């Protein structure tokens, strides 16, 4: 989508409907007619980004929701479900043609260079579901209410480990002296991050067993 490239290069404030129309090879009035202006175009980009991300993490999130809803799921299954989500989130940092096409747009969006309506759409249609199931898993493992402040913080801390490698990818490349993150590099990152996360999750389960039994 031409608008993705324009927003990625110029940012939301710097982009204009004229820029988008010229890049897309259409008349500027068509942008207003079909999308009701620049914000409407950006929101359509967000919808496409959400669709792309769900293709990458949707199966892991659904599996985690099933595990969290099943009262017979033991600690091992709950831990694997949480790690599955984290692994899927981490995979969005890997360099693929599809992700590369969206990188600049995604980076600017994460930095807050977008309208509030787009931030709200992304939160509600993507992040909220992932955060909710992670809190449920933390609650089951720790014995805390999923809405307890500690459960919320634990869930955010775990997810942030995955998101950090997406948001601070330049730092990762510099620290590791990599030029890009292909499959072998991504597997190395996953191995370390998931090992740390496993220690945390197993620790919560052990603490629950010690506290409540």
Protein backbone atom coordinates (compact mmCIF):
# COMPACT_ATOMS: atom_id res chain seq x y z
CA UNK A 1 0.00 0.00 0.00
CA UNK A 2 1.49 3.32 -1.09
CA UNK A 3 0.32 5.09 2.06
CA UNK A 4 2.40 2.76 4.24
CA UNK A 5 5.57 3.88 2.48
CA UNK A 6 4.65 7.56 2.68
CA UNK A 7 3.75 7.45 6.38
CA UNK A 8 6.85 5.39 7.09
CA UNK A 9 9.08 7.93 5.36
CA UNK A 10 7.45 11.19 6.44
CA UNK A 11 5.50 10.30 9.57
CA UNK A 12 1.85 11.13 10.08
CA UNK A 13 2.35 14.87 10.48
CA UNK A 14 4.78 15.12 7.58
CA UNK A 15 2.69 13.12 5.12
CA UNK A 16 -0.01 14.72 3.02
CA UNK A 17 -2.88 13.31 1.05
CA UNK A 18 -1.21 14.80 -2.04
CA UNK A 19 1.95 12.77 -1.29
CA UNK A 20 -0.10 9.62 -0.82
CA UNK A 21 -2.13 10.19 -3.96
CA UNK A 22 0.98 10.86 -6.04
CA UNK A 23 2.73 7.72 -4.74
CA UNK A 24 -0.39 5.63 -5.35
CA UNK A 25 -0.92 7.11 -8.80
CA UNK A 26 -4.42 8.43 -8.06
CA UNK A 27 -6.04 11.85 -7.83
CA UNK A 28 -5.93 13.54 -4.41
CA UNK A 29 -9.74 13.96 -4.26
CA UNK A 30 -10.04 10.17 -4.43
CA UNK A 31 -8.26 9.93 -1.06
CA UNK A 32 -10.89 12.14 0.54
CA UNK A 33 -13.74 10.35 -1.21
CA UNK A 34 -12.76 6.81 -0.28
CA UNK A 35 -11.00 7.37 3.05
CA UNK A 36 -12.35 10.69 4.33
CA UNK A 37 -8.89 12.24 4.43
CA UNK A 38 -5.45 11.43 5.82
CA UNK A 39 -6.63 10.02 9.15
CA UNK A 40 -8.91 7.60 7.35
CA UNK A 41 -6.02 6.40 5.20
CA UNK A 42 -3.86 5.92 8.31
CA UNK A 43 -6.60 3.94 10.04
CA UNK A 44 -6.84 1.68 7.00
CA UNK A 45 -3.09 1.11 7.26
CA UNK A 46 -3.55 0.20 10.93
CA UNK A 47 -6.26 -2.31 10.02
CA UNK A 48 -3.87 -3.95 7.55
CA UNK A 49 -1.08 -3.96 10.15
CA UNK A 50 -3.35 -5.58 12.72
CA UNK A 51 -4.29 -8.25 10.17
CA UNK A 52 -0.61 -8.90 9.44
CA UNK A 53 0.26 -9.20 13.13
CA UNK A 54 -2.65 -11.54 13.88
CA UNK A 55 -1.41 -13.80 11.09
CA UNK A 56 1.84 -14.09 13.04
CA UNK A 57 0.58 -14.36 16.63
CA UNK A 58 -3.06 -15.42 16.33
CA UNK A 59 -2.53 -19.18 16.63
CA UNK A 60 -0.37 -18.78 19.76
CA UNK A 61 -2.89 -16.44 21.38
CA UNK A 62 -5.80 -18.78 20.63
CA UNK A 63 -3.88 -21.74 22.07
CA UNK A 64 -3.13 -19.73 25.20
CA UNK A 65 -6.76 -18.72 25.60
CA UNK A 66 -7.78 -22.37 25.33
CA UNK A 67 -5.21 -23.39 27.94
CA UNK A 68 -6.21 -20.60 30.31
CA UNK A 69 -9.91 -21.52 30.00
CA UNK A 70 -9.32 -25.22 30.66
CA UNK A 71 -9.41 -25.86 34.40
CA UNK A 72 -7.43 -29.06 33.84
CA UNK A 73 -4.42 -27.27 32.34
CA UNK A 74 -1.44 -27.91 34.59
CA UNK A 75 1.41 -25.50 35.25
CA UNK A 76 3.51 -26.96 32.44
CA UNK A 77 0.80 -26.34 29.84
CA UNK A 78 0.15 -22.83 31.12
CA UNK A 79 3.84 -21.98 31.01
CA UNK A 80 4.19 -23.30 27.45
CA UNK A 81 1.14 -21.28 26.42
CA UNK A 82 2.67 -18.07 27.80
CA UNK A 83 6.01 -18.82 26.14
CA UNK A 84 4.18 -19.48 22.87
CA UNK A 85 2.78 -15.95 22.91
CA UNK A 86 6.16 -14.46 23.74
CA UNK A 87 7.83 -16.43 20.94
CA UNK A 88 5.21 -15.22 18.46
CA UNK A 89 5.68 -11.60 19.55
CA UNK A 90 9.45 -11.96 19.22
CA UNK A 91 9.04 -13.32 15.68
CA UNK A 92 7.75 -9.92 14.53
CA UNK A 93 11.31 -8.61 14.90
CA UNK A 94 12.62 -11.05 12.28
CA UNK A 95 13.44 -9.61 8.89
CA UNK A 96 11.00 -10.90 6.28
CA UNK A 97 9.93 -9.14 3.06
CA UNK A 98 6.48 -8.54 4.52
CA UNK A 99 7.77 -7.09 7.80
CA UNK A 100 10.45 -5.02 6.06
CA UNK A 101 7.78 -3.31 3.98
CA UNK A 102 6.04 -2.21 7.17
CA UNK A 103 9.09 -1.49 9.35
CA UNK A 104 9.29 2.29 9.10
CA UNK A 105 5.52 2.65 9.49
CA UNK A 106 5.46 0.31 12.50
CA UNK A 107 8.42 2.05 14.15
CA UNK A 108 6.82 5.46 13.80
CA UNK A 109 3.53 4.13 15.13
CA UNK A 110 5.21 2.62 18.19
CA UNK A 111 6.94 5.93 18.81
CA UNK A 112 3.53 7.62 18.99
CA UNK A 113 3.69 9.41 15.65
CA UNK A 114 0.04 8.80 14.79
CA UNK A 115 -3.49 10.04 15.52
CA UNK A 116 -5.11 9.00 18.80
CA UNK A 117 -7.80 7.10 16.92
CA UNK A 118 -5.12 4.81 15.47
CA UNK A 119 -3.52 4.23 18.87
CA UNK A 120 -6.92 3.31 20.31
CA UNK A 121 -7.68 0.94 17.42
CA UNK A 122 -4.35 -0.83 17.81
CA UNK A 123 -4.78 -1.16 21.56
CA UNK A 124 -8.34 -2.45 21.37
CA UNK A 125 -8.05 -4.72 18.34
CA UNK A 126 -4.62 -6.19 18.99
CA UNK A 127 -2.83 -5.54 22.27
CA UNK A 128 -5.81 -5.82 24.63
CA UNK A 129 -6.53 -9.46 23.77
CA UNK A 130 -2.90 -10.51 24.17
CA UNK A 131 -2.50 -8.69 27.47
CA UNK A 132 -5.75 -10.18 28.79
CA UNK A 133 -4.78 -13.79 28.14
CA UNK A 134 -1.30 -13.24 29.55
CA UNK A 135 -2.86 -11.91 32.77
CA UNK A 136 -5.08 -14.99 32.93
CA UNK A 137 -2.06 -17.27 32.58
CA UNK A 138 -0.14 -15.33 35.22
CA UNK A 139 -3.17 -15.52 37.49
CA UNK A 140 -3.41 -19.29 37.13
CA UNK A 141 0.30 -19.78 37.74
CA UNK A 142 0.68 -17.34 40.62
CA UNK A 143 -2.65 -17.72 42.37
CA UNK A 144 -3.27 -13.98 41.95
CA UNK A 145 -6.44 -12.46 40.59
CA UNK A 146 -5.74 -11.62 36.91
CA UNK A 147 -6.71 -8.01 37.69
CA UNK A 148 -4.36 -7.79 40.66
CA UNK A 149 -1.74 -5.10 40.12
CA UNK A 150 1.05 -7.66 40.49
CA UNK A 151 -0.47 -9.92 37.81
CA UNK A 152 -0.82 -6.97 35.45
CA UNK A 153 2.79 -5.92 36.02
CA UNK A 154 4.09 -9.46 35.57
CA UNK A 155 2.18 -9.77 32.29
CA UNK A 156 3.43 -6.41 31.03
CA UNK A 157 7.02 -7.25 32.01
CA UNK A 158 6.93 -10.52 30.07
CA UNK A 159 5.37 -9.02 26.96
CA UNK A 160 7.76 -6.08 27.06
CA UNK A 161 10.67 -8.50 26.72
CA UNK A 162 9.31 -9.46 23.31
CA UNK A 163 8.28 -5.98 22.24
CA UNK A 164 11.64 -4.49 23.23
CA UNK A 165 13.38 -6.33 20.43
CA UNK A 166 10.90 -4.90 17.95
CA UNK A 167 11.05 -1.34 19.32
CA UNK A 168 14.82 -1.26 19.89
CA UNK A 169 15.96 -3.37 16.99
CA UNK A 170 18.71 -0.93 16.00
CA UNK A 171 20.28 -1.38 19.42
CA UNK A 172 20.17 -5.16 19.07
CA UNK A 173 21.85 -5.02 15.66
CA UNK A 174 24.58 -2.73 16.97
CA UNK A 175 25.20 -4.75 20.15
CA UNK A 176 25.41 -8.05 18.27
CA UNK A 177 27.21 -6.61 15.22
CA UNK A 178 24.43 -7.95 12.99
CA UNK A 179 23.21 -6.34 9.80
CA UNK A 180 19.73 -7.86 10.04
CA UNK A 181 17.74 -10.39 12.02
CA UNK A 182 17.23 -13.52 9.95
CA UNK A 183 16.01 -16.88 11.19
CA UNK A 184 19.25 -18.03 12.93
CA UNK A 185 19.60 -14.72 14.75
CA UNK A 186 15.95 -14.75 15.75
CA UNK A 187 16.27 -18.26 17.15
CA UNK A 188 19.22 -17.14 19.26
CA UNK A 189 17.23 -14.22 20.67
CA UNK A 190 14.24 -16.46 21.33
CA UNK A 191 16.36 -19.03 23.16
CA UNK A 192 17.69 -16.48 25.64
CA UNK A 193 14.46 -14.53 26.15
CA UNK A 194 12.27 -17.61 26.52
CA UNK A 195 14.73 -19.16 28.98
CA UNK A 196 14.51 -16.05 31.16
CA UNK A 197 10.74 -15.99 30.86
CA UNK A 198 10.50 -19.67 31.77
CA UNK A 199 12.46 -19.03 34.99
CA UNK A 200 10.01 -16.26 35.88
CA UNK A 201 6.91 -18.35 35.18
CA UNK A 202 8.23 -21.40 37.01
CA UNK A 203 9.15 -19.14 39.92
CA UNK A 204 5.60 -17.80 40.12
CA UNK A 205 4.19 -21.33 40.14
CA UNK A 206 6.66 -22.38 42.85
CA UNK A 207 5.81 -19.34 44.94
CA UNK A 208 2.08 -20.16 44.62
CA UNK A 209 2.69 -23.74 45.72
CA UNK A 210 4.70 -22.57 48.72
CA UNK A 211 2.27 -19.80 49.70
CA UNK A 212 -1.08 -21.54 49.24
CA UNK A 213 -0.09 -25.03 50.25
